[in-house]
C-alpha atoms as a PDB file:
ATOM      1  CA  MET A   1     -51.063   8.535 -42.780  1.00  0.00           C
ATOM      2  CA  ASN A   2     -49.601   9.200 -46.194  1.00  0.00           C
ATOM      3  CA  GLY A   3     -45.871   9.319 -46.829  1.00  0.00           C
ATOM      4  CA  GLU A   4     -45.664  13.074 -47.386  1.00  0.00           C
ATOM      5  CA  VAL A   5     -47.360  13.776 -44.064  1.00  0.00           C
ATOM      6  CA  TRP A   6     -45.083  11.259 -42.328  1.00  0.00           C
ATOM      7  CA  LEU A   7     -41.923  12.793 -43.822  1.00  0.00           C
ATOM      8  CA  ALA A   8     -43.058  16.279 -42.767  1.00  0.00           C
ATOM      9  CA  GLU A   9     -43.708  15.034 -39.224  1.00  0.00           C
ATOM     10  CA  ILE A  10     -40.297  13.346 -39.102  1.00  0.00           C
ATOM     11  CA  LEU A  11     -38.601  16.577 -40.160  1.00  0.00           C
ATOM     12  CA  ASP A  12     -40.497  18.421 -37.425  1.00  0.00           C
ATOM     13  CA  GLN A  13     -39.381  15.848 -34.854  1.00  0.00           C
ATOM     14  CA  TYR A  14     -35.720  16.191 -35.860  1.00  0.00           C
ATOM     15  CA  ARG A  15     -35.953  19.989 -35.778  1.00  0.00           C
ATOM     16  CA  TYR A  16     -37.565  19.840 -32.343  1.00  0.00           C
ATOM     17  CA  ARG A  17     -34.851  17.573 -30.910  1.00  0.00           C
ATOM     18  CA  LYS A  18     -32.098  19.810 -32.307  1.00  0.00           C
ATOM     19  CA  GLU A  19     -33.809  22.870 -30.848  1.00  0.00           C
ATOM     20  CA  GLN A  20     -34.221  21.177 -27.449  1.00  0.00           C
ATOM     21  CA  CYS A  21     -30.530  20.324 -27.316  1.00  0.00           C
ATOM     22  CA  GLU A  22     -29.468  23.780 -28.393  1.00  0.00           C
ATOM     23  CA  ARG A  23     -31.803  25.514 -25.921  1.00  0.00           C
ATOM     24  CA  ALA A  24     -30.326  23.378 -23.144  1.00  0.00           C
ATOM     25  CA  VAL A  25     -26.729  23.948 -24.228  1.00  0.00           C
ATOM     26  CA  ALA A  26     -27.354  27.709 -24.462  1.00  0.00           C
ATOM     27  CA  GLN A  27     -27.828  27.679 -20.692  1.00  0.00           C
ATOM     28  CA  VAL A  28     -24.291  26.464 -19.947  1.00  0.00           C
ATOM     29  CA  SER A  29     -20.905  28.077 -20.422  1.00  0.00           C
ATOM     30  CA  ASP A  30     -18.293  26.875 -22.881  1.00  0.00           C
ATOM     31  CA  GLU A  31     -16.369  25.402 -19.949  1.00  0.00           C
ATOM     32  CA  GLN A  32     -19.455  23.596 -18.660  1.00  0.00           C
ATOM     33  CA  LEU A  33     -19.804  21.798 -22.014  1.00  0.00           C
ATOM     34  CA  PHE A  34     -16.851  19.719 -20.853  1.00  0.00           C
ATOM     35  CA  ASP A  35     -17.943  19.144 -17.229  1.00  0.00           C
ATOM     36  CA  THR A  36     -18.569  15.606 -16.114  1.00  0.00           C
ATOM     37  CA  VAL A  37     -21.281  14.867 -13.575  1.00  0.00           C
ATOM     38  CA  GLY A  38     -20.520  12.515 -10.728  1.00  0.00           C
ATOM     39  CA  ARG A  39     -19.655   9.117 -12.114  1.00  0.00           C
ATOM     40  CA  ILE A  40     -20.948  10.013 -15.596  1.00  0.00           C
ATOM     41  CA  PRO A  41     -17.803  10.291 -17.704  1.00  0.00           C
ATOM     42  CA  LEU A  42     -19.462  11.824 -20.757  1.00  0.00           C
ATOM     43  CA  PRO A  43     -19.918  15.587 -20.750  1.00  0.00           C
ATOM     44  CA  ILE A  44     -22.366  17.468 -22.939  1.00  0.00           C
ATOM     45  CA  ALA A  45     -19.575  18.012 -25.479  1.00  0.00           C
ATOM     46  CA  ALA A  46     -19.129  14.235 -25.897  1.00  0.00           C
ATOM     47  CA  GLN A  47     -22.868  13.747 -26.418  1.00  0.00           C
ATOM     48  CA  MET A  48     -22.866  16.474 -29.066  1.00  0.00           C
ATOM     49  CA  LYS A  49     -19.753  15.084 -30.759  1.00  0.00           C
ATOM     50  CA  HIS A  50     -21.288  11.606 -30.786  1.00  0.00           C
ATOM     51  CA  LEU A  51     -24.569  12.794 -32.308  1.00  0.00           C
ATOM     52  CA  GLY A  52     -22.678  14.819 -34.909  1.00  0.00           C
ATOM     53  CA  GLY A  53     -20.563  11.797 -35.826  1.00  0.00           C
ATOM     54  CA  ASN A  54     -23.536   9.461 -35.843  1.00  0.00           C
ATOM     55  CA  HIS A  55     -25.536  11.763 -38.090  1.00  0.00           C
ATOM     56  CA  SER A  56     -22.602  12.316 -40.441  1.00  0.00           C
ATOM     57  CA  SER A  57     -22.224   8.572 -40.821  1.00  0.00           C
ATOM     58  CA  ARG A  58     -25.904   7.653 -41.040  1.00  0.00           C
ATOM     59  CA  TRP A  59     -27.112  10.387 -43.360  1.00  0.00           C
ATOM     60  CA  ARG A  60     -24.201  10.736 -45.814  1.00  0.00           C
ATOM     61  CA  ASP A  61     -25.182   8.793 -48.940  1.00  0.00           C
ATOM     62  CA  PHE A  62     -28.090   7.398 -46.945  1.00  0.00           C
ATOM     63  CA  LEU A  63     -29.832   5.500 -49.739  1.00  0.00           C
ATOM     64  CA  THR A  64     -26.711   4.086 -51.366  1.00  0.00           C
ATOM     65  CA  THR A  65     -24.169   3.141 -48.682  1.00  0.00           C
ATOM     66  CA  ASP A  66     -24.180   1.439 -45.307  1.00  0.00           C
ATOM     67  CA  GLY A  67     -25.032   3.832 -42.469  1.00  0.00           C
ATOM     68  CA  GLU A  68     -21.893   2.879 -40.572  1.00  0.00           C
ATOM     69  CA  LYS A  69     -19.217   4.480 -42.730  1.00  0.00           C
ATOM     70  CA  ALA A  70     -15.687   3.066 -42.779  1.00  0.00           C
ATOM     71  CA  ASP A  71     -14.242   6.473 -41.875  1.00  0.00           C
ATOM     72  CA  ARG A  72     -16.338   6.815 -38.716  1.00  0.00           C
ATOM     73  CA  ASN A  73     -14.486   6.608 -35.408  1.00  0.00           C
ATOM     74  CA  ARG A  74     -17.378   5.987 -33.047  1.00  0.00           C
ATOM     75  CA  ASP A  75     -15.201   5.446 -29.989  1.00  0.00           C
ATOM     76  CA  GLY A  76     -13.390   8.711 -30.718  1.00  0.00           C
ATOM     77  CA  GLU A  77     -16.703  10.549 -30.638  1.00  0.00           C
ATOM     78  CA  PHE A  78     -16.743  10.109 -26.862  1.00  0.00           C
ATOM     79  CA  VAL A  79     -13.283  11.625 -26.376  1.00  0.00           C
ATOM     80  CA  VAL A  80     -13.229  15.385 -25.968  1.00  0.00           C
ATOM     81  CA  GLU A  81      -9.621  15.953 -24.911  1.00  0.00           C
ATOM     82  CA  GLY A  82      -8.161  18.516 -27.287  1.00  0.00           C
ATOM     83  CA  GLU A  83     -11.582  19.645 -28.474  1.00  0.00           C
ATOM     84  CA  THR A  84     -12.849  23.207 -28.176  1.00  0.00           C
ATOM     85  CA  PRO A  85     -16.397  24.526 -28.080  1.00  0.00           C
ATOM     86  CA  GLU A  86     -15.876  25.606 -31.704  1.00  0.00           C
ATOM     87  CA  SER A  87     -14.748  22.146 -32.822  1.00  0.00           C
ATOM     88  CA  ILE A  88     -17.666  20.482 -31.026  1.00  0.00           C
ATOM     89  CA  TRP A  89     -20.154  22.881 -32.651  1.00  0.00           C
ATOM     90  CA  ALA A  90     -18.588  22.276 -36.080  1.00  0.00           C
ATOM     91  CA  ILE A  91     -19.057  18.501 -35.722  1.00  0.00           C
ATOM     92  CA  TRP A  92     -22.601  19.036 -34.432  1.00  0.00           C
ATOM     93  CA  GLU A  93     -23.604  21.350 -37.258  1.00  0.00           C
ATOM     94  CA  GLU A  94     -22.095  19.158 -39.987  1.00  0.00           C
ATOM     95  CA  GLY A  95     -24.061  16.159 -38.720  1.00  0.00           C
ATOM     96  CA  TRP A  96     -27.255  18.187 -38.680  1.00  0.00           C
ATOM     97  CA  ARG A  97     -26.573  19.654 -42.119  1.00  0.00           C
ATOM     98  CA  LEU A  98     -26.355  16.131 -43.557  1.00  0.00           C
ATOM     99  CA  THR A  99     -29.423  15.029 -41.605  1.00  0.00           C
ATOM    100  CA  PHE A 100     -31.666  17.784 -42.902  1.00  0.00           C
ATOM    101  CA  GLU A 101     -30.221  17.707 -46.411  1.00  0.00           C
ATOM    102  CA  THR A 102     -31.004  14.008 -46.646  1.00  0.00           C
ATOM    103  CA  LEU A 103     -34.401  14.056 -44.942  1.00  0.00           C
ATOM    104  CA  GLU A 104     -35.546  16.974 -47.094  1.00  0.00           C
ATOM    105  CA  SER A 105     -34.516  15.101 -50.245  1.00  0.00           C
ATOM    106  CA  LEU A 106     -36.489  11.934 -49.473  1.00  0.00           C
ATOM    107  CA  THR A 107     -39.677  11.194 -51.356  1.00  0.00           C
ATOM    108  CA  THR A 108     -42.551   8.881 -50.557  1.00  0.00           C
ATOM    109  CA  ASP A 109     -41.097   6.446 -53.117  1.00  0.00           C
ATOM    110  CA  ASP A 110     -37.981   6.156 -50.932  1.00  0.00           C
ATOM    111  CA  LEU A 111     -39.800   5.048 -47.783  1.00  0.00           C
ATOM    112  CA  GLU A 112     -39.997   1.358 -48.621  1.00  0.00           C
ATOM    113  CA  LYS A 113     -36.491   1.132 -50.059  1.00  0.00           C
ATOM    114  CA  THR A 114     -33.968  -0.975 -48.206  1.00  0.00           C
ATOM    115  CA  VAL A 115     -30.904   0.557 -46.568  1.00  0.00           C
ATOM    116  CA  THR A 116     -28.342  -1.027 -44.264  1.00  0.00           C
ATOM    117  CA  ILE A 117     -26.767  -0.059 -40.964  1.00  0.00           C
ATOM    118  CA  ARG A 118     -23.774  -2.191 -39.950  1.00  0.00           C
ATOM    119  CA  GLY A 119     -24.880  -4.635 -42.633  1.00  0.00           C
ATOM    120  CA  GLU A 120     -28.392  -5.006 -41.216  1.00  0.00           C
ATOM    121  CA  PRO A 121     -31.053  -4.405 -43.897  1.00  0.00           C
ATOM    122  CA  MET A 122     -34.090  -2.329 -43.005  1.00  0.00           C
ATOM    123  CA  THR A 123     -36.579  -0.065 -44.711  1.00  0.00           C
ATOM    124  CA  VAL A 124     -35.932   3.660 -44.864  1.00  0.00           C
ATOM    125  CA  VAL A 125     -38.809   4.113 -42.400  1.00  0.00           C
ATOM    126  CA  GLN A 126     -37.188   1.683 -39.960  1.00  0.00           C
ATOM    127  CA  ALA A 127     -33.797   3.361 -40.290  1.00  0.00           C
ATOM    128  CA  ILE A 128     -35.303   6.788 -39.654  1.00  0.00           C
ATOM    129  CA  GLN A 129     -37.270   5.584 -36.637  1.00  0.00           C
ATOM    130  CA  ARG A 130     -34.168   3.869 -35.262  1.00  0.00           C
ATOM    131  CA  ASN A 131     -32.138   7.061 -35.652  1.00  0.00           C
ATOM    132  CA  LEU A 132     -34.860   9.269 -34.207  1.00  0.00           C
ATOM    133  CA  THR A 133     -35.078   7.017 -31.135  1.00  0.00           C
ATOM    134  CA  HIS A 134     -31.290   7.234 -30.740  1.00  0.00           C
ATOM    135  CA  LEU A 135     -31.498  11.013 -31.054  1.00  0.00           C
ATOM    136  CA  ALA A 136     -34.277  11.246 -28.441  1.00  0.00           C
ATOM    137  CA  TYR A 137     -32.192   9.164 -26.010  1.00  0.00           C
ATOM    138  CA  HIS A 138     -29.198  11.484 -26.316  1.00  0.00           C
ATOM    139  CA  THR A 139     -31.394  14.595 -26.297  1.00  0.00           C
ATOM    140  CA  GLY A 140     -32.577  13.543 -22.849  1.00  0.00           C
ATOM    141  CA  GLN A 141     -28.981  13.075 -21.736  1.00  0.00           C
ATOM    142  CA  ILE A 142     -27.923  16.497 -23.031  1.00  0.00           C
ATOM    143  CA  VAL A 143     -30.885  18.226 -21.392  1.00  0.00           C
ATOM    144  CA  SER A 144     -30.321  16.406 -18.102  1.00  0.00           C
ATOM    145  CA  LEU A 145     -26.604  17.187 -18.046  1.00  0.00           C
ATOM    146  CA  ALA A 146     -27.211  20.830 -18.954  1.00  0.00           C
ATOM    147  CA  ARG A 147     -29.841  21.119 -16.256  1.00  0.00           C
ATOM    148  CA  HIS A 148     -27.413  19.741 -13.713  1.00  0.00           C
ATOM    149  CA  VAL A 149     -24.442  21.927 -14.624  1.00  0.00           C
ATOM    150  CA  ALA A 150     -26.569  25.073 -15.055  1.00  0.00           C
ATOM    151  CA  GLY A 151     -27.818  24.648 -11.497  1.00  0.00           C
ATOM    152  CA  GLU A 152     -30.043  27.380 -10.110  1.00  0.00           C
ATOM    153  CA  SER A 153     -29.915  29.376 -13.350  1.00  0.00           C
ATOM    154  CA  TRP A 154     -31.650  26.583 -15.321  1.00  0.00           C
ATOM    155  CA  GLN A 155     -34.761  27.616 -17.243  1.00  0.00           C
ATOM    156  CA  THR A 156     -37.073  24.700 -17.972  1.00  0.00           C
ATOM    157  CA  LEU A 157     -37.588  23.688 -21.602  1.00  0.00           C
ATOM    158  CA  SER A 158     -41.121  22.468 -21.017  1.00  0.00           C
ATOM    159  CA  ILE A 159     -43.909  23.002 -18.507  1.00  0.00           C
ATOM    160  CA  ALA A 160     -42.378  23.998 -15.191  1.00  0.00           C
ATOM    161  CA  PRO A 161     -43.360  21.954 -12.129  1.00  0.00           C
ATOM    162  CA  GLY A 162     -46.459  23.501 -10.621  1.00  0.00           C
ATOM    163  CA  ASP A 163     -47.545  25.106 -13.906  1.00  0.00           C
ATOM    164  CA  SER A 164     -49.431  22.158 -15.401  1.00  0.00           C
ATOM    165  CA  GLU A 165     -52.943  23.404 -14.698  1.00  0.00           C
ATOM    166  CA  ALA A 166     -52.215  26.904 -16.030  1.00  0.00           C
ATOM    167  CA  HIS A 167     -50.718  25.351 -19.156  1.00  0.00           C
ATOM    168  CA  ASN A 168     -53.721  23.049 -19.599  1.00  0.00           C
ATOM    169  CA  GLU A 169     -56.071  26.033 -19.262  1.00  0.00           C
ATOM    170  CA  LYS A 170     -54.200  27.870 -22.036  1.00  0.00           C
ATOM    171  CA  MET A 171     -54.510  24.781 -24.232  1.00  0.00           C
ATOM    172  CA  ARG A 172     -58.242  24.529 -23.515  1.00  0.00           C
ATOM    173  CA  GLU A 173     -58.656  28.190 -24.487  1.00  0.00           C
ATOM    174  CA  ARG A 174     -56.735  27.570 -27.682  1.00  0.00           C
ATOM    175  CA  TRP A 175     -58.102  24.168 -28.715  1.00  0.00           C
ATOM    176  CA  GLY A 176     -61.342  23.779 -26.802  1.00  0.00           C
ATOM    177  CA  ASP A 177     -62.127  21.463 -23.934  1.00  0.00           C
ATOM    178  CA  TRP A 178     -60.699  18.032 -24.694  1.00  0.00           C
ATOM    179  CA  GLY A 179     -62.023  16.582 -21.455  1.00  0.00           C
ATOM    180  CA  GLY A 180     -58.580  16.804 -19.774  1.00  0.00           C
END
């Protein structure tokens, strides 16, 4: 796979994860953003604040400075006391703005460059894959928490249980029989 194709796929993956989170969060109220579930002390708002802070740190000056910025307060990202839905969304959107601004600016020549995160050197490709894995982990948490707090009103973000065969049939009609 060439670098341009890989960068385009990475951008698609980041857009998809953002969309998944936002579709899940759209199903809960502003108050439910701050609900904790059982013994899980981190509400959806904390997950969003953490991802926003992580992205702001990792993607700001990505090629030229360490990904763990001195002004980042990682532990504070998990504290939502005093936050509002508006403040959480502002942190979220700023992190994503930096993410997309940086990813869209990368060229194939950048992929083998070395960057650091907490002093650890790695290629740009490794840093992106590391961040995308982190994002996928927290996307799952956000979706799971939203599903729990939304309760009976939850609308699935993927193939609903019991709908697999109907979905597969649509895919066969669209793409041909893949032997599935």
